[in-house]
Amino acid sequence: METEKSNGMGAVIGAIIIIIILAAGAWYFIGNRVEKIEIQKQANKVLDVSTGSSTEVVDIQADLDNLDLNSLNQ
């Protein structure tokens, strides 16, 4: 009996399918990682509090009076 030799197209197609699956998984993983980083950036946003550099009691009291405490709760 003679057996037919295959031309290797099955192996090539299988390799292409595996590469596509790996690329899709990497895309999904990178997308989730970028989203987590963006959420962390939003959570760790530094508040811009402008205060004076004076050590006078009157200036310190004025800075405390002008401080928006509601922005600290976010």
Protein backbone atom coordinates (compact mmCIF):
# COMPACT_ATOMS: atom_id res chain seq x y z
CA MET A 1 0.00 0.00 0.00
CA GLU A 2 1.14 3.47 -0.78
CA THR A 3 0.46 6.34 1.57
CA GLU A 4 0.06 9.83 0.34
CA LYS A 5 2.47 12.43 1.62
CA SER A 6 0.77 15.54 2.95
CA ASN A 7 2.19 18.88 1.96
CA GLY A 8 2.24 20.21 5.56
CA MET A 9 -0.63 22.65 5.22
CA GLY A 10 -2.28 21.33 8.37
CA ALA A 11 0.75 22.21 10.46
CA VAL A 12 0.93 25.70 8.98
CA ILE A 13 -2.77 26.34 9.58
CA GLY A 14 -2.46 25.02 13.14
CA ALA A 15 0.51 27.31 13.82
CA ILE A 16 -1.41 30.31 12.46
CA ILE A 17 -4.39 29.51 14.68
CA ILE A 18 -2.15 29.23 17.74
CA ILE A 19 -0.46 32.55 16.93
CA ILE A 20 -3.86 34.24 16.57
CA ILE A 21 -5.01 32.82 19.92
CA LEU A 22 -1.81 33.99 21.63
CA ALA A 23 -2.14 37.47 20.10
CA ALA A 24 -5.78 37.73 21.24
CA GLY A 25 -4.80 36.66 24.77
CA ALA A 26 -1.99 39.21 24.88
CA TRP A 27 -4.34 41.93 23.64
CA TYR A 28 -6.84 41.04 26.37
CA PHE A 29 -4.16 40.95 29.09
CA ILE A 30 -2.61 44.28 28.04
CA GLY A 31 -6.05 45.90 27.84
CA ASN A 32 -6.90 44.83 31.39
CA ARG A 33 -3.52 45.96 32.67
CA VAL A 34 -3.86 49.41 31.10
CA GLU A 35 -7.34 49.75 32.57
CA LYS A 36 -6.06 48.87 36.06
CA ILE A 37 -3.25 51.41 35.72
CA GLU A 38 -5.71 54.13 34.70
CA ILE A 39 -7.93 53.31 37.70
CA GLN A 40 -4.92 53.51 40.02
CA LYS A 41 -3.93 56.86 38.53
CA GLN A 42 -7.41 58.21 39.19
CA ALA A 43 -7.36 56.87 42.76
CA ASN A 44 -3.92 58.31 43.51
CA LYS A 45 -4.57 61.70 41.99
CA VAL A 46 -2.65 64.30 43.94
CA LEU A 47 -4.72 67.16 45.18
CA ASP A 48 -3.49 70.59 44.21
CA VAL A 49 -3.58 72.53 47.43
CA SER A 50 -2.01 75.90 47.16
CA THR A 51 -0.87 77.23 50.48
CA GLY A 52 1.47 80.01 51.34
CA SER A 53 4.94 79.59 52.72
CA SER A 54 4.55 82.14 55.45
CA THR A 55 4.97 81.11 59.08
CA GLU A 56 2.81 83.92 60.41
CA VAL A 57 -0.21 82.73 62.37
CA VAL A 58 -2.56 85.01 60.43
CA ASP A 59 -1.37 83.59 57.09
CA ILE A 60 -1.65 80.00 58.32
CA GLN A 61 -5.19 80.66 59.55
CA ALA A 62 -6.09 82.21 56.18
CA ASP A 63 -4.74 79.12 54.38
CA LEU A 64 -6.78 76.82 56.63
CA ASP A 65 -9.91 78.91 56.07
CA ASN A 66 -9.47 78.70 52.29
CA LEU A 67 -8.87 74.93 52.28
CA ASP A 68 -11.67 72.99 50.57
CA LEU A 69 -12.19 69.94 52.79
CA ASN A 70 -14.72 68.37 50.43
CA SER A 71 -11.96 67.79 47.87
CA LEU A 72 -10.13 65.62 50.40
CA ASN A 73 -13.03 63.12 50.54
CA GLN A 74 -12.83 62.20 46.87
